[in-house]
Amino acid sequence: MKILINGSILGLFLMLTACSQISSSEVDATAIYGELAINRSEGSSQATASVTYFVGGGTGTVVTMDSPATTTINGQTANAVNDPILNMTSYQASVSSAANIIYTDKNGESYSNTLFFPGSMSFSFPSATAFISQGFSLNYTTSSGFVPGEQLQITLNGNTPGNFNTVNRAVVTGATSGAATISSADLSGFSPGTLTVSICLQANPAAQSPYPKGTSISIQSCSNGRTLNLQQ
């Protein structure tokens, strides 16, 4: 019975959080909002560029492209990728350089935005053991220089429920390496055990050609997770 109840709750949650969708030919072209992104993983020479369309803002109804509206990434028609759980469709392509995303609406109006290609991120710990009371440091590198507006997001994930935190650190524009310190305050509430750490380089530049109802841009490069032995 417990499993059935939990399953019902999960099903209800998915029903409530799943997005509705509508075709671009059915909506006013001046009501489109776009979320553009490029994401790169550690060790990969490529990244995934994507755009998701909405009507009613970033929390509104997802818009799927149908003729005559089009989406191209670096000159090629983007692939429609549907998330069956959230019922969200995005338009994606693998890129190995800056991603030029062009959206042409049903009226023939075009919006062109270029997202820079992020460097691959990696990091290491000076020691395999860290102490909650002292904090710890990590050294990070990127395959290309940091650009203005980028910042480091460090995710701390402990092996005890509730032991989770994300902290932001500044990076030096033009540099390809640096060091970041996690303080004892950042680890407040954590318990001794295994700590998994990952880092992402994040930037949110302004759109060069905003969509009618707005555009958000996310450029992200993330490392793989690494573990520490966390002691009191």
C-alpha atoms as a PDB file:
ATOM      1  CA  MET A   1       0.000   0.000   0.000  1.00  0.00           C
ATOM      2  CA  LYS A   2       2.822   2.379   0.820  1.00  0.00           C
ATOM      3  CA  ILE A   3       4.298   1.922  -2.635  1.00  0.00           C
ATOM      4  CA  LEU A   4       0.937   2.598  -4.249  1.00  0.00           C
ATOM      5  CA  ILE A   5       0.493   5.790  -2.255  1.00  0.00           C
ATOM      6  CA  ASN A   6       3.982   7.011  -3.117  1.00  0.00           C
ATOM      7  CA  GLY A   7       3.422   6.131  -6.752  1.00  0.00           C
ATOM      8  CA  SER A   8       0.169   8.094  -6.777  1.00  0.00           C
ATOM      9  CA  ILE A   9       1.875  11.109  -5.245  1.00  0.00           C
ATOM     10  CA  LEU A  10       4.672  10.935  -7.822  1.00  0.00           C
ATOM     11  CA  GLY A  11       2.155  10.630 -10.624  1.00  0.00           C
ATOM     12  CA  LEU A  12       0.203  13.616  -9.341  1.00  0.00           C
ATOM     13  CA  PHE A  13       3.425  15.649  -9.051  1.00  0.00           C
ATOM     14  CA  LEU A  14       4.370  14.869 -12.642  1.00  0.00           C
ATOM     15  CA  MET A  15       0.897  15.771 -13.845  1.00  0.00           C
ATOM     16  CA  LEU A  16       1.036  19.108 -12.065  1.00  0.00           C
ATOM     17  CA  THR A  17       4.562  19.988 -13.220  1.00  0.00           C
ATOM     18  CA  ALA A  18       4.354  18.745 -16.823  1.00  0.00           C
ATOM     19  CA  CYS A  19       4.130  21.537 -19.383  1.00  0.00           C
ATOM     20  CA  SER A  20       1.406  21.985 -21.962  1.00  0.00           C
ATOM     21  CA  GLN A  21       2.443  22.588 -25.578  1.00  0.00           C
ATOM     22  CA  ILE A  22       1.063  24.529 -28.519  1.00  0.00           C
ATOM     23  CA  SER A  23       2.195  24.865 -32.136  1.00  0.00           C
ATOM     24  CA  SER A  24       3.839  28.066 -33.337  1.00  0.00           C
ATOM     25  CA  SER A  25       1.211  28.454 -36.067  1.00  0.00           C
ATOM     26  CA  GLU A  26      -1.454  28.712 -33.359  1.00  0.00           C
ATOM     27  CA  VAL A  27       0.062  31.596 -31.394  1.00  0.00           C
ATOM     28  CA  ASP A  28       0.777  35.253 -32.024  1.00  0.00           C
ATOM     29  CA  ALA A  29       4.387  35.534 -33.200  1.00  0.00           C
ATOM     30  CA  THR A  30       4.814  38.648 -31.037  1.00  0.00           C
ATOM     31  CA  ALA A  31       4.101  36.594 -27.886  1.00  0.00           C
ATOM     32  CA  ILE A  32       7.168  34.302 -28.105  1.00  0.00           C
ATOM     33  CA  TYR A  33       9.713  34.044 -25.269  1.00  0.00           C
ATOM     34  CA  GLY A  34      12.922  32.036 -25.699  1.00  0.00           C
ATOM     35  CA  GLU A  35      15.384  30.216 -23.457  1.00  0.00           C
ATOM     36  CA  LEU A  36      18.728  29.701 -25.197  1.00  0.00           C
ATOM     37  CA  ALA A  37      21.507  27.562 -23.756  1.00  0.00           C
ATOM     38  CA  ILE A  38      24.827  25.942 -24.492  1.00  0.00           C
ATOM     39  CA  ASN A  39      26.131  23.202 -22.187  1.00  0.00           C
ATOM     40  CA  ARG A  40      29.519  21.489 -22.228  1.00  0.00           C
ATOM     41  CA  SER A  41      30.743  18.563 -20.123  1.00  0.00           C
ATOM     42  CA  GLU A  42      34.268  17.954 -18.850  1.00  0.00           C
ATOM     43  CA  GLY A  43      36.521  16.250 -21.382  1.00  0.00           C
ATOM     44  CA  SER A  44      34.160  16.793 -24.302  1.00  0.00           C
ATOM     45  CA  SER A  45      35.217  18.712 -27.395  1.00  0.00           C
ATOM     46  CA  GLN A  46      31.573  19.439 -28.169  1.00  0.00           C
ATOM     47  CA  ALA A  47      28.670  21.130 -26.451  1.00  0.00           C
ATOM     48  CA  THR A  48      24.892  20.995 -26.805  1.00  0.00           C
ATOM     49  CA  ALA A  49      23.222  24.178 -28.006  1.00  0.00           C
ATOM     50  CA  SER A  50      19.479  24.431 -27.475  1.00  0.00           C
ATOM     51  CA  VAL A  51      16.500  26.752 -27.539  1.00  0.00           C
ATOM     52  CA  THR A  52      13.079  26.296 -25.947  1.00  0.00           C
ATOM     53  CA  TYR A  53      10.147  28.512 -26.880  1.00  0.00           C
ATOM     54  CA  PHE A  54       7.305  29.656 -24.643  1.00  0.00           C
ATOM     55  CA  VAL A  55       4.220  31.807 -24.858  1.00  0.00           C
ATOM     56  CA  GLY A  56       3.312  33.673 -21.691  1.00  0.00           C
ATOM     57  CA  GLY A  57       6.899  34.011 -20.436  1.00  0.00           C
ATOM     58  CA  GLY A  58       9.448  31.489 -19.188  1.00  0.00           C
ATOM     59  CA  THR A  59       6.868  29.626 -17.088  1.00  0.00           C
ATOM     60  CA  GLY A  60       4.205  29.648 -19.783  1.00  0.00           C
ATOM     61  CA  THR A  61       3.106  27.171 -22.429  1.00  0.00           C
ATOM     62  CA  VAL A  62       5.846  25.481 -24.472  1.00  0.00           C
ATOM     63  CA  VAL A  63       5.719  26.312 -28.181  1.00  0.00           C
ATOM     64  CA  THR A  64       6.666  23.714 -30.789  1.00  0.00           C
ATOM     65  CA  MET A  65       7.817  24.836 -34.218  1.00  0.00           C
ATOM     66  CA  ASP A  66       5.719  24.046 -37.258  1.00  0.00           C
ATOM     67  CA  SER A  67       5.900  25.482 -40.777  1.00  0.00           C
ATOM     68  CA  PRO A  68       6.598  28.192 -41.706  1.00  0.00           C
ATOM     69  CA  ALA A  69       8.498  28.924 -38.441  1.00  0.00           C
ATOM     70  CA  THR A  70      12.035  27.497 -38.302  1.00  0.00           C
ATOM     71  CA  THR A  71      15.034  27.142 -35.991  1.00  0.00           C
ATOM     72  CA  THR A  72      18.596  26.728 -37.240  1.00  0.00           C
ATOM     73  CA  ILE A  73      21.827  26.309 -35.284  1.00  0.00           C
ATOM     74  CA  ASN A  74      24.983  27.151 -37.230  1.00  0.00           C
ATOM     75  CA  GLY A  75      23.025  27.000 -40.458  1.00  0.00           C
ATOM     76  CA  GLN A  76      21.474  23.572 -39.917  1.00  0.00           C
ATOM     77  CA  THR A  77      17.882  22.805 -38.954  1.00  0.00           C
ATOM     78  CA  ALA A  78      17.854  22.080 -35.223  1.00  0.00           C
ATOM     79  CA  ASN A  79      16.640  18.712 -33.943  1.00  0.00           C
ATOM     80  CA  ALA A  80      13.381  18.670 -31.986  1.00  0.00           C
ATOM     81  CA  VAL A  81      13.973  16.818 -28.697  1.00  0.00           C
ATOM     82  CA  ASN A  82      11.023  16.049 -26.443  1.00  0.00           C
ATOM     83  CA  ASP A  83      11.235  15.397 -22.711  1.00  0.00           C
ATOM     84  CA  PRO A  84       8.414  12.847 -22.193  1.00  0.00           C
ATOM     85  CA  ILE A  85       8.265  13.438 -18.433  1.00  0.00           C
ATOM     86  CA  LEU A  86       7.950  17.217 -18.486  1.00  0.00           C
ATOM     87  CA  ASN A  87       6.344  17.235 -21.948  1.00  0.00           C
ATOM     88  CA  MET A  88       8.789  19.915 -23.102  1.00  0.00           C
ATOM     89  CA  THR A  89      10.223  20.214 -26.605  1.00  0.00           C
ATOM     90  CA  SER A  90      13.537  21.960 -27.228  1.00  0.00           C
ATOM     91  CA  TYR A  91      15.544  22.396 -30.419  1.00  0.00           C
ATOM     92  CA  GLN A  92      19.131  21.198 -30.201  1.00  0.00           C
ATOM     93  CA  ALA A  93      22.395  20.595 -32.027  1.00  0.00           C
ATOM     94  CA  SER A  94      25.925  19.513 -31.119  1.00  0.00           C
ATOM     95  CA  VAL A  95      28.471  22.255 -31.709  1.00  0.00           C
ATOM     96  CA  SER A  96      32.258  22.514 -31.475  1.00  0.00           C
ATOM     97  CA  SER A  97      32.402  26.308 -31.708  1.00  0.00           C
ATOM     98  CA  ALA A  98      30.151  29.283 -31.010  1.00  0.00           C
ATOM     99  CA  ALA A  99      26.478  28.537 -31.635  1.00  0.00           C
ATOM    100  CA  ASN A 100      24.517  30.874 -33.897  1.00  0.00           C
ATOM    101  CA  ILE A 101      20.835  30.243 -33.173  1.00  0.00           C
ATOM    102  CA  ILE A 102      18.404  31.762 -35.658  1.00  0.00           C
ATOM    103  CA  TYR A 103      14.668  31.695 -35.015  1.00  0.00           C
ATOM    104  CA  THR A 104      12.433  32.726 -37.907  1.00  0.00           C
ATOM    105  CA  ASP A 105       8.802  33.202 -36.918  1.00  0.00           C
ATOM    106  CA  LYS A 106       5.726  32.425 -38.978  1.00  0.00           C
ATOM    107  CA  ASN A 107       5.703  35.976 -40.333  1.00  0.00           C
ATOM    108  CA  GLY A 108       9.269  35.722 -41.640  1.00  0.00           C
ATOM    109  CA  GLU A 109      10.835  37.848 -38.881  1.00  0.00           C
ATOM    110  CA  SER A 110      14.264  36.483 -37.858  1.00  0.00           C
ATOM    111  CA  TYR A 111      16.122  36.675 -34.534  1.00  0.00           C
ATOM    112  CA  SER A 112      19.818  35.780 -34.522  1.00  0.00           C
ATOM    113  CA  ASN A 113      21.819  35.200 -31.317  1.00  0.00           C
ATOM    114  CA  THR A 114      25.344  33.813 -31.037  1.00  0.00           C
ATOM    115  CA  LEU A 115      26.379  31.980 -27.858  1.00  0.00           C
ATOM    116  CA  PHE A 116      30.109  31.710 -27.228  1.00  0.00           C
ATOM    117  CA  PHE A 117      31.687  28.254 -26.862  1.00  0.00           C
ATOM    118  CA  PRO A 118      32.716  27.667 -23.228  1.00  0.00           C
ATOM    119  CA  GLY A 119      36.026  26.153 -22.216  1.00  0.00           C
ATOM    120  CA  SER A 120      36.077  22.680 -20.668  1.00  0.00           C
ATOM    121  CA  MET A 121      36.310  22.789 -16.853  1.00  0.00           C
ATOM    122  CA  SER A 122      38.376  20.570 -14.555  1.00  0.00           C
ATOM    123  CA  PHE A 123      39.518  20.773 -10.934  1.00  0.00           C
ATOM    124  CA  SER A 124      41.476  18.991  -8.218  1.00  0.00           C
ATOM    125  CA  PHE A 125      41.809  18.948  -4.426  1.00  0.00           C
ATOM    126  CA  PRO A 126      45.112  19.500  -2.600  1.00  0.00           C
ATOM    127  CA  SER A 127      44.072  16.691  -0.241  1.00  0.00           C
ATOM    128  CA  ALA A 128      41.633  13.786  -0.329  1.00  0.00           C
ATOM    129  CA  THR A 129      40.364  14.702   3.147  1.00  0.00           C
ATOM    130  CA  ALA A 130      38.623  17.903   4.250  1.00  0.00           C
ATOM    131  CA  PHE A 131      37.358  19.122   7.610  1.00  0.00           C
ATOM    132  CA  ILE A 132      33.991  20.749   8.223  1.00  0.00           C
ATOM    133  CA  SER A 133      35.525  22.998  10.874  1.00  0.00           C
ATOM    134  CA  GLN A 134      38.240  24.248   8.501  1.00  0.00           C
ATOM    135  CA  GLY A 135      36.730  24.187   5.021  1.00  0.00           C
ATOM    136  CA  PHE A 136      38.876  23.304   2.022  1.00  0.00           C
ATOM    137  CA  SER A 137      40.220  24.643  -1.246  1.00  0.00           C
ATOM    138  CA  LEU A 138      40.202  23.428  -4.829  1.00  0.00           C
ATOM    139  CA  ASN A 139      42.202  24.339  -7.918  1.00  0.00           C
ATOM    140  CA  TYR A 140      40.399  24.689 -11.243  1.00  0.00           C
ATOM    141  CA  THR A 141      41.425  25.069 -14.880  1.00  0.00           C
ATOM    142  CA  THR A 142      39.668  25.819 -18.132  1.00  0.00           C
ATOM    143  CA  SER A 143      40.701  25.148 -21.709  1.00  0.00           C
ATOM    144  CA  SER A 144      40.094  28.801 -22.658  1.00  0.00           C
ATOM    145  CA  GLY A 145      40.270  32.140 -20.868  1.00  0.00           C
ATOM    146  CA  PHE A 146      37.363  33.274 -18.712  1.00  0.00           C
ATOM    147  CA  VAL A 147      35.171  35.956 -20.280  1.00  0.00           C
ATOM    148  CA  PRO A 148      33.477  38.903 -18.546  1.00  0.00           C
ATOM    149  CA  GLY A 149      30.319  37.896 -16.710  1.00  0.00           C
ATOM    150  CA  GLU A 150      31.333  34.288 -16.035  1.00  0.00           C
ATOM    151  CA  GLN A 151      31.278  32.946 -12.487  1.00  0.00           C
ATOM    152  CA  LEU A 152      32.046  29.639 -10.823  1.00  0.00           C
ATOM    153  CA  GLN A 153      29.234  27.607  -9.269  1.00  0.00           C
ATOM    154  CA  ILE A 154      30.406  24.931  -6.840  1.00  0.00           C
ATOM    155  CA  THR A 155      27.949  22.216  -5.828  1.00  0.00           C
ATOM    156  CA  LEU A 156      28.480  20.340  -2.542  1.00  0.00           C
ATOM    157  CA  ASN A 157      26.509  17.133  -2.101  1.00  0.00           C
ATOM    158  CA  GLY A 158      26.893  15.117   1.097  1.00  0.00           C
ATOM    159  CA  ASN A 159      25.771  11.557   1.779  1.00  0.00           C
ATOM    160  CA  THR A 160      23.165  12.650   4.336  1.00  0.00           C
ATOM    161  CA  PRO A 161      19.742  14.088   3.437  1.00  0.00           C
ATOM    162  CA  GLY A 162      19.833  17.874   3.599  1.00  0.00           C
ATOM    163  CA  ASN A 163      23.606  18.029   3.166  1.00  0.00           C
ATOM    164  CA  PHE A 164      23.561  20.093  -0.020  1.00  0.00           C
ATOM    165  CA  ASN A 165      24.799  23.553  -0.893  1.00  0.00           C
ATOM    166  CA  THR A 166      25.720  25.621  -3.953  1.00  0.00           C
ATOM    167  CA  VAL A 167      28.190  28.499  -3.650  1.00  0.00           C
ATOM    168  CA  ASN A 168      29.314  31.060  -6.233  1.00  0.00           C
ATOM    169  CA  ARG A 169      32.839  32.332  -6.707  1.00  0.00           C
ATOM    170  CA  ALA A 170      34.253  35.008  -9.005  1.00  0.00           C
ATOM    171  CA  VAL A 171      36.814  34.180 -11.699  1.00  0.00           C
ATOM    172  CA  VAL A 172      39.476  36.442 -13.205  1.00  0.00           C
ATOM    173  CA  THR A 173      38.693  37.532 -16.775  1.00  0.00           C
ATOM    174  CA  GLY A 174      41.292  36.183 -19.193  1.00  0.00           C
ATOM    175  CA  ALA A 175      42.743  33.663 -16.744  1.00  0.00           C
ATOM    176  CA  THR A 176      42.733  29.934 -17.462  1.00  0.00           C
ATOM    177  CA  SER A 177      43.096  28.738 -13.869  1.00  0.00           C
ATOM    178  CA  GLY A 178      42.395  29.732 -10.303  1.00  0.00           C
ATOM    179  CA  ALA A 179      41.663  28.580  -6.776  1.00  0.00           C
ATOM    180  CA  ALA A 180      38.453  28.663  -4.747  1.00  0.00           C
ATOM    181  CA  THR A 181      37.921  28.270  -1.025  1.00  0.00           C
ATOM    182  CA  ILE A 182      34.955  26.530   0.582  1.00  0.00           C
ATOM    183  CA  SER A 183      34.565  27.923   4.089  1.00  0.00           C
ATOM    184  CA  SER A 184      33.376  26.201   7.231  1.00  0.00           C
ATOM    185  CA  ALA A 185      30.226  28.332   6.942  1.00  0.00           C
ATOM    186  CA  ASP A 186      29.549  26.791   3.499  1.00  0.00           C
ATOM    187  CA  LEU A 187      29.691  23.367   5.178  1.00  0.00           C
ATOM    188  CA  SER A 188      27.522  24.339   8.131  1.00  0.00           C
ATOM    189  CA  GLY A 189      25.031  21.566   8.838  1.00  0.00           C
ATOM    190  CA  PHE A 190      26.979  18.946   6.889  1.00  0.00           C
ATOM    191  CA  SER A 191      27.781  15.601   8.500  1.00  0.00           C
ATOM    192  CA  PRO A 192      31.049  13.647   8.227  1.00  0.00           C
ATOM    193  CA  GLY A 193      31.163  11.200   5.349  1.00  0.00           C
ATOM    194  CA  THR A 194      31.621  11.309   1.598  1.00  0.00           C
ATOM    195  CA  LEU A 195      31.276  14.715  -0.061  1.00  0.00           C
ATOM    196  CA  THR A 196      30.772  14.926  -3.822  1.00  0.00           C
ATOM    197  CA  VAL A 197      31.912  18.194  -5.368  1.00  0.00           C
ATOM    198  CA  SER A 198      31.320  19.474  -8.898  1.00  0.00           C
ATOM    199  CA  ILE A 199      31.940  22.836 -10.521  1.00  0.00           C
ATOM    200  CA  CYS A 200      30.268  24.699 -13.359  1.00  0.00           C
ATOM    201  CA  LEU A 201      31.313  27.837 -15.167  1.00  0.00           C
ATOM    202  CA  GLN A 202      28.151  29.868 -15.724  1.00  0.00           C
ATOM    203  CA  ALA A 203      27.398  32.977 -17.787  1.00  0.00           C
ATOM    204  CA  ASN A 204      24.115  34.709 -18.590  1.00  0.00           C
ATOM    205  CA  PRO A 205      24.841  37.305 -21.274  1.00  0.00           C
ATOM    206  CA  ALA A 206      22.200  39.575 -22.756  1.00  0.00           C
ATOM    207  CA  ALA A 207      20.572  38.585 -26.037  1.00  0.00           C
ATOM    208  CA  GLN A 208      21.820  40.330 -29.156  1.00  0.00           C
ATOM    209  CA  SER A 209      18.430  39.979 -30.832  1.00  0.00           C
ATOM    210  CA  PRO A 210      15.764  39.554 -28.124  1.00  0.00           C
ATOM    211  CA  TYR A 211      12.564  37.699 -28.873  1.00  0.00           C
ATOM    212  CA  PRO A 212       9.343  39.732 -28.664  1.00  0.00           C
ATOM    213  CA  LYS A 213       8.534  38.758 -25.057  1.00  0.00           C
ATOM    214  CA  GLY A 214      12.105  38.316 -23.866  1.00  0.00           C
ATOM    215  CA  THR A 215      15.097  36.000 -24.047  1.00  0.00           C
ATOM    216  CA  SER A 216      17.207  34.281 -21.394  1.00  0.00           C
ATOM    217  CA  ILE A 217      20.649  32.898 -22.198  1.00  0.00           C
ATOM    218  CA  SER A 218      22.629  30.340 -20.207  1.00  0.00           C
ATOM    219  CA  ILE A 219      26.172  29.297 -21.139  1.00  0.00           C
ATOM    220  CA  GLN A 220      27.530  26.546 -18.917  1.00  0.00           C
ATOM    221  CA  SER A 221      30.529  24.225 -18.731  1.00  0.00           C
ATOM    222  CA  CYS A 222      30.545  21.615 -15.958  1.00  0.00           C
ATOM    223  CA  SER A 223      33.072  19.208 -14.497  1.00  0.00           C
ATOM    224  CA  ASN A 224      32.496  15.648 -13.472  1.00  0.00           C
ATOM    225  CA  GLY A 225      31.908  15.078  -9.762  1.00  0.00           C
ATOM    226  CA  ARG A 226      34.819  14.299  -7.440  1.00  0.00           C
ATOM    227  CA  THR A 227      34.659  12.959  -3.893  1.00  0.00           C
ATOM    228  CA  LEU A 228      36.265  14.017  -0.632  1.00  0.00           C
ATOM    229  CA  ASN A 229      36.421  12.314   2.730  1.00  0.00           C
ATOM    230  CA  LEU A 230      34.681  14.885   4.917  1.00  0.00           C
ATOM    231  CA  GLN A 231      35.542  14.854   8.608  1.00  0.00           C
ATOM    232  CA  GLN A 232      34.420  17.005  11.505  1.00  0.00           C
END
